[in-house]
């Protein structure tokens, strides 16, 4: 149990450290780095590299933004095998619907209970 927590912590931390180094050492904006992480997660899943990392680290590999690309790709691959070509469009959305819904809901709740201020 404790070892699984350690694995998730160091892998997730490493992914975040890499992103922070890219932010500090390049002129890329955080938004572009996030998009790059999503694309990298999907690409690494497609070529079979990210699955062993997820099996090893669990939430440490799926919770960071790179895990969103992983989930999109896994959902699309599964839907294509079940539904054919239409699965390319529907699979990723179906696989990530819960996470997207939670993000919208919690963002809405945070907006309700916070006082916005102008900068």
PDB file of N, CA and C in Angstrom:
ATOM      1  N   UNK A   1       0.823  -1.197   0.000  1.00  0.00           N
ATOM      2  CA  UNK A   1       0.000   0.000   0.000  1.00  0.00           C
ATOM      3  C   UNK A   1       0.866   1.260   0.000  1.00  0.00           C
ATOM      4  N   UNK A   2       1.752   1.364   0.951  1.00  0.00           N
ATOM      5  CA  UNK A   2       2.608   2.545   1.050  1.00  0.00           C
ATOM      6  C   UNK A   2       3.546   2.639  -0.158  1.00  0.00           C
ATOM      7  N   UNK A   3       3.980   1.484  -0.655  1.00  0.00           N
ATOM      8  CA  UNK A   3       4.850   1.473  -1.828  1.00  0.00           C
ATOM      9  C   UNK A   3       4.110   1.987  -3.065  1.00  0.00           C
ATOM     10  N   UNK A   4       2.829   1.646  -3.192  1.00  0.00           N
ATOM     11  CA  UNK A   4       2.034   2.152  -4.326  1.00  0.00           C
ATOM     12  C   UNK A   4       1.890   3.663  -4.264  1.00  0.00           C
ATOM     13  N   UNK A   5       1.717   4.201  -3.063  1.00  0.00           N
ATOM     14  CA  UNK A   5       1.637   5.652  -2.894  1.00  0.00           C
ATOM     15  C   UNK A   5       2.957   6.295  -3.293  1.00  0.00           C
ATOM     16  N   UNK A   6       4.062   5.684  -2.885  1.00  0.00           N
ATOM     17  CA  UNK A   6       5.382   6.208  -3.240  1.00  0.00           C
ATOM     18  C   UNK A   6       5.590   6.214  -4.749  1.00  0.00           C
ATOM     19  N   UNK A   7       5.205   5.106  -5.422  1.00  0.00           N
ATOM     20  CA  UNK A   7       5.355   5.043  -6.881  1.00  0.00           C
ATOM     21  C   UNK A   7       4.534   6.128  -7.565  1.00  0.00           C
ATOM     22  N   UNK A   8       3.283   6.302  -7.133  1.00  0.00           N
ATOM     23  CA  UNK A   8       2.437   7.335  -7.729  1.00  0.00           C
ATOM     24  C   UNK A   8       3.033   8.719  -7.493  1.00  0.00           C
ATOM     25  N   UNK A   9       3.558   8.942  -6.290  1.00  0.00           N
ATOM     26  CA  UNK A   9       4.115  10.252  -5.947  1.00  0.00           C
ATOM     27  C   UNK A   9       5.333  10.588  -6.791  1.00  0.00           C
ATOM     28  N   UNK A  10       6.262   9.650  -6.927  1.00  0.00           N
ATOM     29  CA  UNK A  10       7.484  10.015  -7.641  1.00  0.00           C
ATOM     30  C   UNK A  10       7.254  10.124  -9.145  1.00  0.00           C
ATOM     31  N   UNK A  11       6.381   9.294  -9.719  1.00  0.00           N
ATOM     32  CA  UNK A  11       6.124   9.395 -11.163  1.00  0.00           C
ATOM     33  C   UNK A  11       5.339  10.672 -11.480  1.00  0.00           C
ATOM     34  N   UNK A  12       4.283  10.937 -10.704  1.00  0.00           N
ATOM     35  CA  UNK A  12       3.518  12.166 -10.907  1.00  0.00           C
ATOM     36  C   UNK A  12       4.369  13.399 -10.669  1.00  0.00           C
ATOM     37  N   UNK A  13       5.214  13.341  -9.640  1.00  0.00           N
ATOM     38  CA  UNK A  13       6.121  14.453  -9.357  1.00  0.00           C
ATOM     39  C   UNK A  13       7.115  14.679 -10.474  1.00  0.00           C
ATOM     40  N   UNK A  14       7.633  13.588 -11.031  1.00  0.00           N
ATOM     41  CA  UNK A  14       8.584  13.703 -12.138  1.00  0.00           C
ATOM     42  C   UNK A  14       7.944  14.355 -13.363  1.00  0.00           C
ATOM     43  N   UNK A  15       6.713  13.961 -13.663  1.00  0.00           N
ATOM     44  CA  UNK A  15       6.010  14.577 -14.795  1.00  0.00           C
ATOM     45  C   UNK A  15       5.819  16.074 -14.575  1.00  0.00           C
ATOM     46  N   UNK A  16       5.512  16.453 -13.344  1.00  0.00           N
ATOM     47  CA  UNK A  16       5.327  17.872 -13.034  1.00  0.00           C
ATOM     48  C   UNK A  16       6.655  18.627 -13.048  1.00  0.00           C
ATOM     49  N   UNK A  17       7.721  17.988 -12.579  1.00  0.00           N
ATOM     50  CA  UNK A  17       9.046  18.624 -12.603  1.00  0.00           C
ATOM     51  C   UNK A  17       9.484  18.873 -14.044  1.00  0.00           C
ATOM     52  N   UNK A  18       9.241  17.907 -14.915  1.00  0.00           N
ATOM     53  CA  UNK A  18       9.602  18.076 -16.333  1.00  0.00           C
ATOM     54  C   UNK A  18       8.847  19.276 -16.921  1.00  0.00           C
ATOM     55  N   UNK A  19       7.556  19.368 -16.621  1.00  0.00           N
ATOM     56  CA  UNK A  19       6.775  20.512 -17.125  1.00  0.00           C
ATOM     57  C   UNK A  19       7.308  21.825 -16.566  1.00  0.00           C
ATOM     58  N   UNK A  20       7.662  21.843 -15.283  1.00  0.00           N
ATOM     59  CA  UNK A  20       8.179  23.072 -14.678  1.00  0.00           C
ATOM     60  C   UNK A  20       9.517  23.476 -15.298  1.00  0.00           C
ATOM     61  N   UNK A  21      10.366  22.509 -15.583  1.00  0.00           N
ATOM     62  CA  UNK A  21      11.645  22.811 -16.238  1.00  0.00           C
ATOM     63  C   UNK A  21      11.400  23.390 -17.630  1.00  0.00           C
ATOM     64  N   UNK A  22      10.432  22.821 -18.355  1.00  0.00           N
ATOM     65  CA  UNK A  22      10.109  23.348 -19.688  1.00  0.00           C
ATOM     66  C   UNK A  22       9.598  24.781 -19.568  1.00  0.00           C
ATOM     67  N   UNK A  23       8.766  25.061 -18.565  1.00  0.00           N
ATOM     68  CA  UNK A  23       8.270  26.431 -18.354  1.00  0.00           C
ATOM     69  C   UNK A  23       9.427  27.380 -18.076  1.00  0.00           C
ATOM     70  N   UNK A  24      10.348  26.957 -17.199  1.00  0.00           N
ATOM     71  CA  UNK A  24      11.452  27.826 -16.778  1.00  0.00           C
ATOM     72  C   UNK A  24      12.504  28.036 -17.858  1.00  0.00           C
ATOM     73  N   UNK A  25      12.771  27.020 -18.657  1.00  0.00           N
ATOM     74  CA  UNK A  25      13.885  27.071 -19.605  1.00  0.00           C
ATOM     75  C   UNK A  25      13.503  27.440 -21.031  1.00  0.00           C
ATOM     76  N   UNK A  26      12.221  27.496 -21.341  1.00  0.00           N
ATOM     77  CA  UNK A  26      11.800  27.848 -22.703  1.00  0.00           C
ATOM     78  C   UNK A  26      10.854  29.042 -22.641  1.00  0.00           C
ATOM     79  N   UNK A  27      10.498  29.518 -23.792  1.00  0.00           N
ATOM     80  CA  UNK A  27       9.542  30.621 -23.872  1.00  0.00           C
ATOM     81  C   UNK A  27       8.130  30.109 -24.150  1.00  0.00           C
ATOM     82  N   UNK A  28       7.929  28.797 -24.031  1.00  0.00           N
ATOM     83  CA  UNK A  28       6.597  28.237 -24.241  1.00  0.00           C
ATOM     84  C   UNK A  28       5.669  28.663 -23.109  1.00  0.00           C
ATOM     85  N   UNK A  29       4.435  28.942 -23.459  1.00  0.00           N
ATOM     86  CA  UNK A  29       3.457  29.303 -22.440  1.00  0.00           C
ATOM     87  C   UNK A  29       2.961  28.034 -21.740  1.00  0.00           C
ATOM     88  N   UNK A  30       2.482  28.160 -20.512  1.00  0.00           N
ATOM     89  CA  UNK A  30       1.939  26.985 -19.827  1.00  0.00           C
ATOM     90  C   UNK A  30       0.811  26.311 -20.610  1.00  0.00           C
ATOM     91  N   UNK A  31       0.012  27.083 -21.318  1.00  0.00           N
ATOM     92  CA  UNK A  31      -1.073  26.492 -22.112  1.00  0.00           C
ATOM     93  C   UNK A  31      -0.511  25.592 -23.216  1.00  0.00           C
ATOM     94  N   UNK A  32       0.541  26.021 -23.874  1.00  0.00           N
ATOM     95  CA  UNK A  32       1.140  25.196 -24.933  1.00  0.00           C
ATOM     96  C   UNK A  32       1.786  23.946 -24.350  1.00  0.00           C
ATOM     97  N   UNK A  33       2.356  24.071 -23.179  1.00  0.00           N
ATOM     98  CA  UNK A  33       2.960  22.909 -22.527  1.00  0.00           C
ATOM     99  C   UNK A  33       1.872  21.918 -22.134  1.00  0.00           C
ATOM    100  N   UNK A  34       0.741  22.416 -21.640  1.00  0.00           N
ATOM    101  CA  UNK A  34      -0.366  21.523 -21.286  1.00  0.00           C
ATOM    102  C   UNK A  34      -0.895  20.784 -22.514  1.00  0.00           C
ATOM    103  N   UNK A  35      -1.058  21.493 -23.609  1.00  0.00           N
ATOM    104  CA  UNK A  35      -1.518  20.851 -24.841  1.00  0.00           C
ATOM    105  C   UNK A  35      -0.487  19.822 -25.303  1.00  0.00           C
ATOM    106  N   UNK A  36       0.791  20.151 -25.189  1.00  0.00           N
ATOM    107  CA  UNK A  36       1.844  19.209 -25.565  1.00  0.00           C
ATOM    108  C   UNK A  36       1.790  17.954 -24.700  1.00  0.00           C
ATOM    109  N   UNK A  37       1.509  18.114 -23.422  1.00  0.00           N
ATOM    110  CA  UNK A  37       1.390  16.968 -22.518  1.00  0.00           C
ATOM    111  C   UNK A  37       0.201  16.085 -22.905  1.00  0.00           C
ATOM    112  N   UNK A  38      -0.927  16.691 -23.252  1.00  0.00           N
ATOM    113  CA  UNK A  38      -2.089  15.904 -23.663  1.00  0.00           C
ATOM    114  C   UNK A  38      -1.761  15.123 -24.932  1.00  0.00           C
ATOM    115  N   UNK A  39      -1.154  15.778 -25.905  1.00  0.00           N
ATOM    116  CA  UNK A  39      -0.785  15.114 -27.159  1.00  0.00           C
ATOM    117  C   UNK A  39       0.248  14.025 -26.891  1.00  0.00           C
ATOM    118  N   UNK A  40       1.220  14.309 -26.027  1.00  0.00           N
ATOM    119  CA  UNK A  40       2.238  13.303 -25.694  1.00  0.00           C
ATOM    120  C   UNK A  40       1.594  12.092 -25.023  1.00  0.00           C
ATOM    121  N   UNK A  41       0.635  12.328 -24.125  1.00  0.00           N
ATOM    122  CA  UNK A  41      -0.050  11.216 -23.475  1.00  0.00           C
ATOM    123  C   UNK A  41      -0.783  10.340 -24.475  1.00  0.00           C
ATOM    124  N   UNK A  42      -1.459  10.965 -25.429  1.00  0.00           N
ATOM    125  CA  UNK A  42      -2.170  10.205 -26.457  1.00  0.00           C
ATOM    126  C   UNK A  42      -1.193   9.460 -27.359  1.00  0.00           C
ATOM    127  N   UNK A  43      -0.127  10.125 -27.770  1.00  0.00           N
ATOM    128  CA  UNK A  43       0.842   9.499 -28.668  1.00  0.00           C
ATOM    129  C   UNK A  43       1.562   8.341 -27.978  1.00  0.00           C
ATOM    130  N   UNK A  44       2.000   8.562 -26.751  1.00  0.00           N
ATOM    131  CA  UNK A  44       2.704   7.493 -26.024  1.00  0.00           C
ATOM    132  C   UNK A  44       1.789   6.302 -25.751  1.00  0.00           C
ATOM    133  N   UNK A  45       0.505   6.564 -25.575  1.00  0.00           N
ATOM    134  CA  UNK A  45      -0.462   5.473 -25.413  1.00  0.00           C
ATOM    135  C   UNK A  45      -0.625   4.725 -26.722  1.00  0.00           C
ATOM    136  N   UNK A  46      -0.707   5.457 -27.805  1.00  0.00           N
ATOM    137  CA  UNK A  46      -0.897   4.846 -29.122  1.00  0.00           C
ATOM    138  C   UNK A  46       0.252   3.918 -29.493  1.00  0.00           C
ATOM    139  N   UNK A  47       1.472   4.297 -29.150  1.00  0.00           N
ATOM    140  CA  UNK A  47       2.620   3.448 -29.503  1.00  0.00           C
ATOM    141  C   UNK A  47       2.948   2.423 -28.411  1.00  0.00           C
ATOM    142  N   UNK A  48       2.161   2.408 -27.325  1.00  0.00           N
ATOM    143  CA  UNK A  48       2.309   1.384 -26.305  1.00  0.00           C
ATOM    144  C   UNK A  48       3.313   1.663 -25.208  1.00  0.00           C
ATOM    145  N   UNK A  49       3.789   2.884 -25.103  1.00  0.00           N
ATOM    146  CA  UNK A  49       4.791   3.221 -24.091  1.00  0.00           C
ATOM    147  C   UNK A  49       4.150   3.623 -22.766  1.00  0.00           C
ATOM    148  N   UNK A  50       2.994   4.248 -22.812  1.00  0.00           N
ATOM    149  CA  UNK A  50       2.414   4.819 -21.587  1.00  0.00           C
ATOM    150  C   UNK A  50       1.665   3.792 -20.735  1.00  0.00           C
ATOM    151  N   UNK A  51       1.156   2.721 -21.334  1.00  0.00           N
ATOM    152  CA  UNK A  51       0.439   1.701 -20.564  1.00  0.00           C
ATOM    153  C   UNK A  51       1.285   1.090 -19.444  1.00  0.00           C
ATOM    154  N   UNK A  52       2.539   0.699 -19.708  1.00  0.00           N
ATOM    155  CA  UNK A  52       3.348   0.165 -18.604  1.00  0.00           C
ATOM    156  C   UNK A  52       3.592   1.192 -17.494  1.00  0.00           C
ATOM    157  N   UNK A  53       3.697   2.465 -17.866  1.00  0.00           N
ATOM    158  CA  UNK A  53       3.883   3.511 -16.854  1.00  0.00           C
ATOM    159  C   UNK A  53       2.636   3.614 -15.983  1.00  0.00           C
ATOM    160  N   UNK A  54       1.456   3.542 -16.597  1.00  0.00           N
ATOM    161  CA  UNK A  54       0.198   3.602 -15.844  1.00  0.00           C
ATOM    162  C   UNK A  54       0.058   2.376 -14.951  1.00  0.00           C
ATOM    163  N   UNK A  55       0.435   1.219 -15.456  1.00  0.00           N
ATOM    164  CA  UNK A  55       0.359   0.009 -14.634  1.00  0.00           C
ATOM    165  C   UNK A  55       1.298   0.100 -13.435  1.00  0.00           C
ATOM    166  N   UNK A  56       2.435   0.727 -13.610  1.00  0.00           N
ATOM    167  CA  UNK A  56       3.401   0.871 -12.524  1.00  0.00           C
ATOM    168  C   UNK A  56       2.977   1.944 -11.520  1.00  0.00           C
ATOM    169  N   UNK A  57       2.616   3.119 -12.013  1.00  0.00           N
ATOM    170  CA  UNK A  57       2.403   4.275 -11.135  1.00  0.00           C
ATOM    171  C   UNK A  57       0.945   4.557 -10.807  1.00  0.00           C
ATOM    172  N   UNK A  58       0.015   3.974 -11.515  1.00  0.00           N
ATOM    173  CA  UNK A  58      -1.399   4.213 -11.222  1.00  0.00           C
ATOM    174  C   UNK A  58      -1.775   5.676 -11.368  1.00  0.00           C
ATOM    175  N   UNK A  59      -2.310   6.250 -10.291  1.00  0.00           N
ATOM    176  CA  UNK A  59      -2.779   7.635 -10.321  1.00  0.00           C
ATOM    177  C   UNK A  59      -1.648   8.625 -10.565  1.00  0.00           C
ATOM    178  N   UNK A  60      -0.420   8.260 -10.262  1.00  0.00           N
ATOM    179  CA  UNK A  60       0.707   9.149 -10.528  1.00  0.00           C
ATOM    180  C   UNK A  60       0.894   9.406 -12.006  1.00  0.00           C
ATOM    181  N   UNK A  61       0.399   8.505 -12.844  1.00  0.00           N
ATOM    182  CA  UNK A  61       0.512   8.678 -14.288  1.00  0.00           C
ATOM    183  C   UNK A  61      -0.794   9.116 -14.934  1.00  0.00           C
ATOM    184  N   UNK A  62      -1.925   8.897 -14.264  1.00  0.00           N
ATOM    185  CA  UNK A  62      -3.205   9.236 -14.889  1.00  0.00           C
ATOM    186  C   UNK A  62      -3.785  10.558 -14.407  1.00  0.00           C
ATOM    187  N   UNK A  63      -3.398  11.039 -13.244  1.00  0.00           N
ATOM    188  CA  UNK A  63      -3.954  12.292 -12.730  1.00  0.00           C
ATOM    189  C   UNK A  63      -3.350  13.526 -13.393  1.00  0.00           C
ATOM    190  N   UNK A  64      -2.029  13.596 -13.634  1.00  0.00           N
ATOM    191  CA  UNK A  64      -1.508  14.779 -14.343  1.00  0.00           C
ATOM    192  C   UNK A  64      -2.140  14.899 -15.731  1.00  0.00           C
ATOM    193  N   UNK A  65      -2.003  16.051 -16.336  1.00  0.00           N
ATOM    194  CA  UNK A  65      -2.674  16.347 -17.606  1.00  0.00           C
ATOM    195  C   UNK A  65      -2.286  15.368 -18.714  1.00  0.00           C
ATOM    196  N   UNK A  66      -1.125  14.773 -18.626  1.00  0.00           N
ATOM    197  CA  UNK A  66      -0.726  13.775 -19.619  1.00  0.00           C
ATOM    198  C   UNK A  66      -1.659  12.568 -19.564  1.00  0.00           C
ATOM    199  N   UNK A  67      -2.240  12.308 -18.394  1.00  0.00           N
ATOM    200  CA  UNK A  67      -3.198  11.227 -18.245  1.00  0.00           C
ATOM    201  C   UNK A  67      -4.500  11.482 -18.983  1.00  0.00           C
ATOM    202  N   UNK A  68      -4.828  12.753 -19.232  1.00  0.00           N
ATOM    203  CA  UNK A  68      -6.014  13.077 -20.014  1.00  0.00           C
ATOM    204  C   UNK A  68      -5.830  12.595 -21.453  1.00  0.00           C
ATOM    205  N   UNK A  69      -4.653  12.818 -22.013  1.00  0.00           N
ATOM    206  CA  UNK A  69      -4.361  12.303 -23.354  1.00  0.00           C
ATOM    207  C   UNK A  69      -4.417  10.789 -23.387  1.00  0.00           C
ATOM    208  N   UNK A  70      -3.904  10.166 -22.327  1.00  0.00           N
ATOM    209  CA  UNK A  70      -3.967   8.704 -22.192  1.00  0.00           C
ATOM    210  C   UNK A  70      -5.419   8.232 -22.215  1.00  0.00           C
ATOM    211  N   UNK A  71      -6.274   8.874 -21.429  1.00  0.00           N
ATOM    212  CA  UNK A  71      -7.686   8.483 -21.352  1.00  0.00           C
ATOM    213  C   UNK A  71      -8.409   8.697 -22.685  1.00  0.00           C
ATOM    214  N   UNK A  72      -8.115   9.806 -23.344  1.00  0.00           N
ATOM    215  CA  UNK A  72      -8.722  10.062 -24.658  1.00  0.00           C
ATOM    216  C   UNK A  72      -8.358   8.962 -25.642  1.00  0.00           C
ATOM    217  N   UNK A  73      -7.091   8.623 -25.691  1.00  0.00           N
ATOM    218  CA  UNK A  73      -6.618   7.622 -26.643  1.00  0.00           C
ATOM    219  C   UNK A  73      -7.168   6.233 -26.314  1.00  0.00           C
ATOM    220  N   UNK A  74      -7.143   5.852 -25.038  1.00  0.00           N
ATOM    221  CA  UNK A  74      -7.675   4.542 -24.647  1.00  0.00           C
ATOM    222  C   UNK A  74      -9.156   4.446 -24.982  1.00  0.00           C
ATOM    223  N   UNK A  75      -9.903   5.514 -24.714  1.00  0.00           N
ATOM    224  CA  UNK A  75     -11.330   5.513 -25.032  1.00  0.00           C
ATOM    225  C   UNK A  75     -11.586   5.394 -26.521  1.00  0.00           C
ATOM    226  N   UNK A  76     -10.806   6.101 -27.321  1.00  0.00           N
ATOM    227  CA  UNK A  76     -10.982   6.045 -28.775  1.00  0.00           C
ATOM    228  C   UNK A  76     -10.639   4.664 -29.318  1.00  0.00           C
ATOM    229  N   UNK A  77      -9.557   4.082 -28.829  1.00  0.00           N
ATOM    230  CA  UNK A  77      -9.158   2.750 -29.300  1.00  0.00           C
ATOM    231  C   UNK A  77     -10.226   1.718 -28.942  1.00  0.00           C
ATOM    232  N   UNK A  78     -10.736   1.798 -27.727  1.00  0.00           N
ATOM    233  CA  UNK A  78     -11.775   0.857 -27.291  1.00  0.00           C
ATOM    234  C   UNK A  78     -13.047   1.027 -28.124  1.00  0.00           C
ATOM    235  N   UNK A  79     -13.463   2.268 -28.355  1.00  0.00           N
ATOM    236  CA  UNK A  79     -14.681   2.518 -29.126  1.00  0.00           C
ATOM    237  C   UNK A  79     -14.533   2.107 -30.580  1.00  0.00           C
ATOM    238  N   UNK A  80     -13.363   2.275 -31.143  1.00  0.00           N
ATOM    239  CA  UNK A  80     -13.147   1.850 -32.533  1.00  0.00           C
ATOM    240  C   UNK A  80     -13.275   0.334 -32.636  1.00  0.00           C
ATOM    241  N   UNK A  81     -12.736  -0.380 -31.649  1.00  0.00           N
ATOM    242  CA  UNK A  81     -12.839  -1.839 -31.705  1.00  0.00           C
ATOM    243  C   UNK A  81     -14.275  -2.318 -31.509  1.00  0.00           C
ATOM    244  N   UNK A  82     -15.098  -1.538 -30.794  1.00  0.00           N
ATOM    245  CA  UNK A  82     -16.490  -1.924 -30.550  1.00  0.00           C
ATOM    246  C   UNK A  82     -17.456  -1.411 -31.615  1.00  0.00           C
ATOM    247  N   UNK A  83     -17.275  -0.158 -32.055  1.00  0.00           N
ATOM    248  CA  UNK A  83     -18.259   0.494 -32.926  1.00  0.00           C
ATOM    249  C   UNK A  83     -17.760   0.805 -34.324  1.00  0.00           C
ATOM    250  N   UNK A  84     -16.498   0.611 -34.574  1.00  0.00           N
ATOM    251  CA  UNK A  84     -15.950   0.936 -35.875  1.00  0.00           C
ATOM    252  C   UNK A  84     -15.447   2.369 -35.928  1.00  0.00           C
ATOM    253  N   UNK A  85     -15.432   2.924 -37.112  1.00  0.00           N
ATOM    254  CA  UNK A  85     -14.837   4.236 -37.340  1.00  0.00           C
ATOM    255  C   UNK A  85     -15.506   5.361 -36.546  1.00  0.00           C
ATOM    256  N   UNK A  86     -16.775   5.255 -36.244  1.00  0.00           N
ATOM    257  CA  UNK A  86     -17.459   6.308 -35.474  1.00  0.00           C
ATOM    258  C   UNK A  86     -16.862   6.408 -34.064  1.00  0.00           C
ATOM    259  N   UNK A  87     -16.228   5.352 -33.600  1.00  0.00           N
ATOM    260  CA  UNK A  87     -15.604   5.346 -32.283  1.00  0.00           C
ATOM    261  C   UNK A  87     -14.469   6.336 -32.145  1.00  0.00           C
ATOM    262  N   UNK A  88     -13.867   6.726 -33.260  1.00  0.00           N
ATOM    263  CA  UNK A  88     -12.806   7.740 -33.223  1.00  0.00           C
ATOM    264  C   UNK A  88     -13.353   9.042 -32.646  1.00  0.00           C
ATOM    265  N   UNK A  89     -14.580   9.383 -33.004  1.00  0.00           N
ATOM    266  CA  UNK A  89     -15.180  10.632 -32.546  1.00  0.00           C
ATOM    267  C   UNK A  89     -15.817  10.511 -31.164  1.00  0.00           C
ATOM    268  N   UNK A  90     -16.363   9.351 -30.831  1.00  0.00           N
ATOM    269  CA  UNK A  90     -17.138   9.219 -29.596  1.00  0.00           C
ATOM    270  C   UNK A  90     -16.358   8.620 -28.433  1.00  0.00           C
ATOM    271  N   UNK A  91     -15.353   7.829 -28.703  1.00  0.00           N
ATOM    272  CA  UNK A  91     -14.666   7.090 -27.651  1.00  0.00           C
ATOM    273  C   UNK A  91     -13.950   7.949 -26.640  1.00  0.00           C
ATOM    274  N   UNK A  92     -13.211   8.937 -27.109  1.00  0.00           N
ATOM    275  CA  UNK A  92     -12.469   9.804 -26.194  1.00  0.00           C
ATOM    276  C   UNK A  92     -13.387  10.621 -25.304  1.00  0.00           C
ATOM    277  N   UNK A  93     -14.485  11.095 -25.869  1.00  0.00           N
ATOM    278  CA  UNK A  93     -15.439  11.890 -25.086  1.00  0.00           C
ATOM    279  C   UNK A  93     -16.104  11.008 -24.025  1.00  0.00           C
ATOM    280  N   UNK A  94     -16.493   9.801 -24.405  1.00  0.00           N
ATOM    281  CA  UNK A  94     -17.125   8.890 -23.457  1.00  0.00           C
ATOM    282  C   UNK A  94     -16.174   8.533 -22.323  1.00  0.00           C
ATOM    283  N   UNK A  95     -14.923   8.279 -22.652  1.00  0.00           N
ATOM    284  CA  UNK A  95     -13.948   7.862 -21.644  1.00  0.00           C
ATOM    285  C   UNK A  95     -13.610   8.973 -20.659  1.00  0.00           C
ATOM    286  N   UNK A  96     -13.689  10.210 -21.089  1.00  0.00           N
ATOM    287  CA  UNK A  96     -13.288  11.323 -20.223  1.00  0.00           C
ATOM    288  C   UNK A  96     -14.470  12.132 -19.686  1.00  0.00           C
ATOM    289  N   UNK A  97     -15.681  11.695 -19.972  1.00  0.00           N
ATOM    290  CA  UNK A  97     -16.870  12.472 -19.587  1.00  0.00           C
ATOM    291  C   UNK A  97     -16.944  12.712 -18.081  1.00  0.00           C
ATOM    292  N   UNK A  98     -16.625  11.719 -17.283  1.00  0.00           N
ATOM    293  CA  UNK A  98     -16.690  11.874 -15.833  1.00  0.00           C
ATOM    294  C   UNK A  98     -15.737  12.940 -15.331  1.00  0.00           C
ATOM    295  N   UNK A  99     -14.500  12.915 -15.809  1.00  0.00           N
ATOM    296  CA  UNK A  99     -13.508  13.901 -15.391  1.00  0.00           C
ATOM    297  C   UNK A  99     -13.856  15.304 -15.850  1.00  0.00           C
ATOM    298  N   UNK A 100     -14.343  15.420 -17.068  1.00  0.00           N
ATOM    299  CA  UNK A 100     -14.731  16.730 -17.588  1.00  0.00           C
ATOM    300  C   UNK A 100     -15.915  17.282 -16.797  1.00  0.00           C
ATOM    301  N   UNK A 101     -16.883  16.429 -16.500  1.00  0.00           N
ATOM    302  CA  UNK A 101     -18.045  16.855 -15.718  1.00  0.00           C
ATOM    303  C   UNK A 101     -17.628  17.321 -14.331  1.00  0.00           C
ATOM    304  N   UNK A 102     -16.736  16.577 -13.697  1.00  0.00           N
ATOM    305  CA  UNK A 102     -16.262  16.956 -12.367  1.00  0.00           C
ATOM    306  C   UNK A 102     -15.537  18.301 -12.408  1.00  0.00           C
ATOM    307  N   UNK A 103     -14.716  18.518 -13.422  1.00  0.00           N
ATOM    308  CA  UNK A 103     -13.991  19.784 -13.534  1.00  0.00           C
ATOM    309  C   UNK A 103     -14.948  20.960 -13.702  1.00  0.00           C
ATOM    310  N   UNK A 104     -15.953  20.784 -14.520  1.00  0.00           N
ATOM    311  CA  UNK A 104     -16.934  21.855 -14.719  1.00  0.00           C
ATOM    312  C   UNK A 104     -17.729  22.106 -13.438  1.00  0.00           C
ATOM    313  N   UNK A 105     -18.171  21.027 -12.788  1.00  0.00           N
ATOM    314  CA  UNK A 105     -18.959  21.167 -11.564  1.00  0.00           C
ATOM    315  C   UNK A 105     -18.163  21.847 -10.450  1.00  0.00           C
ATOM    316  N   UNK A 106     -16.946  21.393 -10.215  1.00  0.00           N
ATOM    317  CA  UNK A 106     -16.153  21.983  -9.141  1.00  0.00           C
ATOM    318  C   UNK A 106     -15.720  23.408  -9.471  1.00  0.00           C
ATOM    319  N   UNK A 107     -15.488  23.697 -10.749  1.00  0.00           N
ATOM    320  CA  UNK A 107     -15.197  25.071 -11.151  1.00  0.00           C
ATOM    321  C   UNK A 107     -16.385  25.982 -10.911  1.00  0.00           C
ATOM    322  N   UNK A 108     -17.581  25.479 -11.210  1.00  0.00           N
ATOM    323  CA  UNK A 108     -18.800  26.246 -10.963  1.00  0.00           C
ATOM    324  C   UNK A 108     -18.995  26.491  -9.469  1.00  0.00           C
ATOM    325  N   UNK A 109     -18.804  25.452  -8.655  1.00  0.00           N
ATOM    326  CA  UNK A 109     -18.940  25.604  -7.200  1.00  0.00           C
ATOM    327  C   UNK A 109     -17.919  26.585  -6.641  1.00  0.00           C
ATOM    328  N   UNK A 110     -16.695  26.524  -7.140  1.00  0.00           N
ATOM    329  CA  UNK A 110     -15.674  27.472  -6.689  1.00  0.00           C
ATOM    330  C   UNK A 110     -16.068  28.897  -7.065  1.00  0.00           C
ATOM    331  N   UNK A 111     -16.660  29.071  -8.243  1.00  0.00           N
ATOM    332  CA  UNK A 111     -17.092  30.402  -8.659  1.00  0.00           C
ATOM    333  C   UNK A 111     -18.236  30.918  -7.793  1.00  0.00           C
ATOM    334  N   UNK A 112     -19.088  30.021  -7.351  1.00  0.00           N
ATOM    335  CA  UNK A 112     -20.198  30.439  -6.493  1.00  0.00           C
ATOM    336  C   UNK A 112     -19.726  30.931  -5.129  1.00  0.00           C
ATOM    337  N   UNK A 113     -18.702  30.303  -4.607  1.00  0.00           N
ATOM    338  CA  UNK A 113     -18.260  30.603  -3.249  1.00  0.00           C
ATOM    339  C   UNK A 113     -17.045  31.514  -3.154  1.00  0.00           C
ATOM    340  N   UNK A 114     -16.614  32.055  -4.265  1.00  0.00           N
ATOM    341  CA  UNK A 114     -15.458  32.966  -4.221  1.00  0.00           C
ATOM    342  C   UNK A 114     -15.899  34.382  -4.603  1.00  0.00           C
ATOM    343  N   UNK A 115     -15.089  35.325  -4.201  1.00  0.00           N
ATOM    344  CA  UNK A 115     -15.355  36.731  -4.546  1.00  0.00           C
ATOM    345  C   UNK A 115     -14.378  37.144  -5.639  1.00  0.00           C
ATOM    346  N   UNK A 116     -14.843  37.304  -6.858  1.00  0.00           N
ATOM    347  CA  UNK A 116     -13.931  37.725  -7.904  1.00  0.00           C
ATOM    348  C   UNK A 116     -13.498  39.164  -7.715  1.00  0.00           C
ATOM    349  N   UNK A 117     -12.235  39.414  -8.032  1.00  0.00           N
ATOM    350  CA  UNK A 117     -11.695  40.774  -7.944  1.00  0.00           C
ATOM    351  C   UNK A 117     -10.984  41.098  -9.245  1.00  0.00           C
ATOM    352  N   UNK A 118     -11.014  42.347  -9.613  1.00  0.00           N
ATOM    353  CA  UNK A 118     -10.255  42.802 -10.773  1.00  0.00           C
ATOM    354  C   UNK A 118      -8.806  42.968 -10.378  1.00  0.00           C
ATOM    355  N   UNK A 119      -7.925  42.717 -11.328  1.00  0.00           N
ATOM    356  CA  UNK A 119      -6.497  42.863 -11.051  1.00  0.00           C
ATOM    357  C   UNK A 119      -6.082  44.302 -11.192  1.00  0.00           C
TER     358      UNK A 119
END
